[in-house]
Amino acid sequence: MKILVCISVVPDTTTKIGFTDNNTAFQTAGVQFILNPYDELALTRGLELAEANSGTVTVAHVGLADSEAVIRKALSMGADSALRINAQPTDAQQVAAELAHIAAEYDLVLTGRESIDYNGGMVCGLLGAALNRPSVNVVTRIDFENGSWSFDRDIDGGKESLHVQGPCVASAQKDLCEPRIPNMRGIMAARTKPLTVLDAQGATTGAHCEQFELPAPKQGVKLIDPSQAAQLIDLLKNEAKVI
């Protein structure tokens, strides 16, 4: 069994966001970057499946050299090797196209549900289409038995169970598992595990960023005495205009 886990590198959620070049580029100076949390779940479950079936896990990332420290964290969690496609990620279409060039040899390709910076959630589906394989999005269970993959995923009003025969692509949802925490042995071993840098295949992007904009600052609140229900209703109707 060969499993490929596609990972992204994202800003820590505590990072103060800023932009440069007339708000057309993300300000990376002083930003702490981490392994995307949904990708940690995908990697953890991939490791569990590989360990139970004498398999191997490779992590893949589309990014530049400054992402290698985070890739090493994925190796410290237990991945056997890593691939870095040397390209600046621009959008999901480009990332999926680059990953498709290396993903065909794997029995299972896992991604996170979405990256927590752009929240697009498109790489799983695009990658499945590029590989001409079934793709199952936002799964909360992955099992393998008798050559068949089985998945659970949440849907409106219930849960859906799916079975896939043969290679496929899936994305991890938050209830899939608890992320594995690297131990000291894993951290030391990660230093010598292979991290191969591959040339990009020149996949094109279908998007162009015009401008970034921060959300409007939160407005102050008005406190109304509980005895002044009429005043509250008047404000909700005539000022907030929500009733």
Protein backbone atom coordinates (compact mmCIF):
# COMPACT_ATOMS: atom_id res chain seq x y z
CA MET A 1 0.00 0.00 0.00
CA LYS A 2 1.35 3.40 -1.03
CA ILE A 3 -0.30 6.52 0.38
CA LEU A 4 0.35 10.10 -0.68
CA VAL A 5 -0.67 12.89 1.68
CA CYS A 6 -0.79 16.37 0.13
CA ILE A 7 0.03 19.10 2.63
CA SER A 8 -0.13 22.86 2.64
CA VAL A 9 1.74 25.42 4.74
CA VAL A 10 -0.45 28.11 6.29
CA PRO A 11 -0.09 31.06 8.69
CA ASP A 12 -0.73 30.30 12.35
CA THR A 13 -4.22 31.45 13.33
CA THR A 14 -2.72 33.81 15.92
CA THR A 15 -0.77 35.66 13.24
CA LYS A 16 -1.63 39.29 12.61
CA ILE A 17 -2.38 39.54 8.89
CA GLY A 18 -1.02 42.33 6.72
CA PHE A 19 -0.48 43.07 3.02
CA THR A 20 2.13 44.78 0.86
CA ASP A 21 2.46 46.17 -2.68
CA ASN A 22 -0.74 48.20 -2.52
CA ASN A 23 -2.61 45.30 -0.87
CA THR A 24 -1.85 42.88 -3.72
CA ALA A 25 0.54 40.57 -1.83
CA PHE A 26 0.47 38.83 1.55
CA GLN A 27 3.01 40.16 4.06
CA THR A 28 5.10 37.14 5.09
CA ALA A 29 7.64 38.95 7.28
CA GLY A 30 7.23 37.96 10.92
CA VAL A 31 4.57 35.35 10.16
CA GLN A 32 4.69 31.95 11.87
CA PHE A 33 3.81 29.21 9.37
CA ILE A 34 2.41 25.81 10.37
CA LEU A 35 1.21 22.56 8.85
CA ASN A 36 -2.41 22.97 7.81
CA PRO A 37 -4.52 21.36 10.61
CA TYR A 38 -6.79 19.41 8.23
CA ASP A 39 -3.68 18.01 6.53
CA GLU A 40 -2.41 16.84 9.93
CA LEU A 41 -5.57 14.75 10.23
CA ALA A 42 -5.10 13.31 6.73
CA LEU A 43 -1.49 12.46 7.54
CA THR A 44 -2.33 10.85 10.87
CA ARG A 45 -4.98 8.58 9.36
CA GLY A 46 -2.72 7.80 6.43
CA LEU A 47 0.01 6.70 8.84
CA GLU A 48 -2.44 4.51 10.74
CA LEU A 49 -3.59 2.80 7.55
CA ALA A 50 -0.03 2.28 6.32
CA GLU A 51 1.10 0.84 9.65
CA ALA A 52 -1.81 -1.61 9.68
CA ASN A 53 -1.19 -2.75 6.09
CA SER A 54 2.62 -2.71 5.77
CA GLY A 55 2.44 0.39 3.63
CA THR A 56 4.38 3.61 3.15
CA VAL A 57 3.38 7.25 3.41
CA THR A 58 4.85 10.07 1.33
CA VAL A 59 3.96 13.71 1.88
CA ALA A 60 3.85 16.12 -1.05
CA HIS A 61 3.83 19.91 -1.06
CA VAL A 62 3.76 22.56 -3.75
CA GLY A 63 5.91 25.41 -2.46
CA LEU A 64 9.29 27.04 -2.21
CA ALA A 65 12.31 26.24 -0.04
CA ASP A 66 11.04 28.27 2.93
CA SER A 67 8.36 25.61 3.51
CA GLU A 68 10.82 22.81 4.23
CA ALA A 69 10.81 23.28 8.01
CA VAL A 70 7.09 22.53 8.06
CA ILE A 71 7.58 19.58 5.71
CA ARG A 72 10.10 18.20 8.21
CA LYS A 73 7.38 18.32 10.84
CA ALA A 74 5.27 16.03 8.66
CA LEU A 75 8.24 13.67 8.45
CA SER A 76 8.64 13.80 12.24
CA MET A 77 5.02 12.61 12.58
CA GLY A 78 6.04 9.39 10.83
CA ALA A 79 5.93 9.90 7.05
CA ASP A 80 8.58 7.88 5.23
CA SER A 81 9.59 10.51 2.69
CA ALA A 82 8.63 13.89 1.28
CA LEU A 83 8.35 15.52 -2.13
CA ARG A 84 8.45 19.27 -2.66
CA ILE A 85 7.36 20.56 -6.04
CA ASN A 86 9.35 23.74 -6.49
CA ALA A 87 6.64 26.24 -7.42
CA GLN A 88 4.87 29.15 -5.77
CA PRO A 89 1.30 27.95 -5.10
CA THR A 90 -1.20 30.35 -6.60
CA ASP A 91 -4.58 28.60 -6.64
CA ALA A 92 -6.17 25.16 -6.26
CA GLN A 93 -6.19 24.45 -9.99
CA GLN A 94 -2.44 24.95 -10.31
CA VAL A 95 -1.67 23.00 -7.11
CA ALA A 96 -3.85 20.05 -8.14
CA ALA A 97 -2.33 19.98 -11.62
CA GLU A 98 1.20 19.90 -10.22
CA LEU A 99 0.32 17.16 -7.72
CA ALA A 100 -1.35 15.06 -10.42
CA HIS A 101 2.02 14.57 -12.12
CA ILE A 102 3.31 12.60 -9.12
CA ALA A 103 0.15 11.08 -7.64
CA ALA A 104 -0.75 8.39 -10.18
CA GLU A 105 1.43 5.68 -8.60
CA TYR A 106 -0.30 5.85 -5.19
CA ASP A 107 -3.17 3.69 -3.98
CA LEU A 108 -4.71 6.44 -1.85
CA VAL A 109 -4.21 10.18 -2.11
CA LEU A 110 -5.28 12.23 0.90
CA THR A 111 -5.71 15.97 1.34
CA GLY A 112 -7.16 18.13 4.06
CA ARG A 113 -10.71 19.39 3.73
CA GLU A 114 -9.35 22.86 3.00
CA SER A 115 -6.47 25.13 3.91
CA ILE A 116 -7.27 27.47 6.78
CA ASP A 117 -5.95 30.53 4.96
CA TYR A 118 -8.01 30.56 1.74
CA ASN A 119 -10.64 27.92 2.69
CA GLY A 120 -11.18 26.90 -0.92
CA GLY A 121 -11.69 23.17 -0.39
CA MET A 122 -11.16 22.38 -4.09
CA VAL A 123 -7.89 20.43 -4.36
CA CYS A 124 -9.42 17.01 -3.55
CA GLY A 125 -12.03 17.20 -6.32
CA LEU A 126 -9.69 18.76 -8.87
CA LEU A 127 -7.02 16.16 -8.15
CA GLY A 128 -9.51 13.33 -8.51
CA ALA A 129 -10.62 14.73 -11.85
CA ALA A 130 -7.03 15.13 -13.05
CA LEU A 131 -6.25 11.51 -12.11
CA ASN A 132 -9.62 10.21 -13.39
CA ARG A 133 -10.25 8.65 -9.98
CA PRO A 134 -13.17 8.79 -7.54
CA SER A 135 -12.82 11.60 -4.99
CA VAL A 136 -14.61 11.60 -1.65
CA ASN A 137 -14.75 14.91 0.15
CA VAL A 138 -14.78 15.75 3.90
CA VAL A 139 -14.58 12.20 5.24
CA THR A 140 -14.88 11.33 8.92
CA ARG A 141 -13.83 7.66 8.55
CA ILE A 142 -11.40 5.81 6.28
CA ASP A 143 -10.93 2.05 6.42
CA PHE A 144 -9.36 -0.52 4.11
CA GLU A 145 -10.44 -4.14 3.84
CA ASN A 146 -10.22 -6.80 1.11
CA GLY A 147 -8.84 -4.32 -1.39
CA SER A 148 -11.68 -1.84 -0.89
CA TRP A 149 -11.72 1.58 0.70
CA SER A 150 -14.69 2.58 2.83
CA PHE A 151 -15.55 6.10 3.93
CA ASP A 152 -18.07 7.96 6.05
CA ARG A 153 -18.93 11.58 5.39
CA ASP A 154 -21.41 13.96 6.96
CA ILE A 155 -24.29 15.15 4.80
CA ASP A 156 -27.32 17.32 5.53
CA GLY A 157 -29.42 15.47 8.06
CA GLY A 158 -27.26 12.39 8.38
CA LYS A 159 -24.20 10.41 7.36
CA GLU A 160 -23.23 8.81 4.06
CA SER A 161 -21.14 5.61 3.77
CA LEU A 162 -19.25 4.94 0.54
CA HIS A 163 -17.13 2.05 -0.77
CA VAL A 164 -14.49 2.49 -3.46
CA GLN A 165 -12.65 -0.32 -5.23
CA GLY A 166 -9.19 0.70 -6.37
CA PRO A 167 -7.18 3.93 -6.13
CA CYS A 168 -9.02 7.06 -5.04
CA VAL A 169 -8.66 10.53 -3.52
CA ALA A 170 -10.19 11.72 -0.24
CA SER A 171 -10.11 14.81 1.97
CA ALA A 172 -10.03 14.78 5.77
CA GLN A 173 -12.67 16.35 8.00
CA LYS A 174 -12.08 17.28 11.64
CA ASP A 175 -13.75 14.17 13.14
CA LEU A 176 -11.52 11.75 11.23
CA CYS A 177 -8.99 11.23 14.04
CA GLU A 178 -6.83 12.98 16.61
CA PRO A 179 -3.66 14.47 15.09
CA ARG A 180 -0.47 12.63 15.92
CA ILE A 181 2.05 14.57 17.99
CA PRO A 182 5.69 14.03 16.99
CA ASN A 183 7.88 12.48 19.67
CA MET A 184 11.61 13.07 20.14
CA ARG A 185 12.53 9.95 18.22
CA GLY A 186 10.41 11.07 15.28
CA ILE A 187 11.88 14.58 15.36
CA MET A 188 15.44 13.22 15.28
CA ALA A 189 14.61 10.72 12.51
CA ALA A 190 13.02 13.45 10.38
CA ARG A 191 16.41 15.11 9.92
CA THR A 192 17.68 12.24 7.77
CA LYS A 193 14.53 11.20 5.93
CA PRO A 194 14.55 11.93 2.19
CA LEU A 195 13.05 15.23 1.06
CA THR A 196 13.16 15.32 -2.73
CA VAL A 197 12.75 18.57 -4.65
CA LEU A 198 11.05 18.23 -8.03
CA ASP A 199 10.88 20.75 -10.82
CA ALA A 200 7.44 22.20 -11.44
CA GLN A 201 5.65 21.11 -14.60
CA GLY A 202 4.50 24.64 -15.35
CA ALA A 203 0.84 24.20 -14.52
CA THR A 204 -1.03 27.40 -15.23
CA THR A 205 -3.30 29.25 -12.86
CA GLY A 206 -6.84 30.23 -13.64
CA ALA A 207 -7.04 33.02 -11.07
CA HIS A 208 -5.52 36.43 -10.58
CA CYS A 209 -5.57 38.34 -7.31
CA GLU A 210 -6.61 41.96 -7.76
CA GLN A 211 -6.45 43.04 -4.12
CA PHE A 212 -6.56 41.84 -0.53
CA GLU A 213 -8.76 43.57 2.02
CA LEU A 214 -9.08 43.12 5.76
CA PRO A 215 -12.56 42.68 7.25
CA ALA A 216 -14.21 45.84 8.54
CA PRO A 217 -13.46 46.42 12.24
CA LYS A 218 -16.14 45.36 14.64
CA GLN A 219 -18.39 48.17 15.77
CA GLY A 220 -19.10 48.96 19.37
CA VAL A 221 -22.17 47.58 21.08
CA LYS A 222 -25.03 49.37 22.77
CA LEU A 223 -26.17 48.08 26.12
CA ILE A 224 -29.90 48.39 26.75
CA ASP A 225 -31.40 48.06 30.21
CA PRO A 226 -33.62 44.96 30.42
CA SER A 227 -36.54 47.15 31.41
CA GLN A 228 -36.29 49.16 28.16
CA ALA A 229 -37.66 46.57 25.75
CA ALA A 230 -39.35 49.23 23.62
CA GLN A 231 -36.04 51.03 23.09
CA LEU A 232 -34.38 47.76 22.04
CA ILE A 233 -37.13 47.03 19.53
CA ASP A 234 -36.88 50.55 18.13
CA LEU A 235 -33.10 50.22 17.65
CA LEU A 236 -33.38 46.82 16.01
CA LYS A 237 -36.06 48.09 13.65
CA ASN A 238 -34.90 51.59 12.76
CA GLU A 239 -31.11 51.51 13.28
CA ALA A 240 -29.98 47.92 12.78
CA LYS A 241 -32.89 47.24 10.40
CA VAL A 242 -33.02 43.55 11.26
CA ILE A 243 -36.73 43.39 12.11
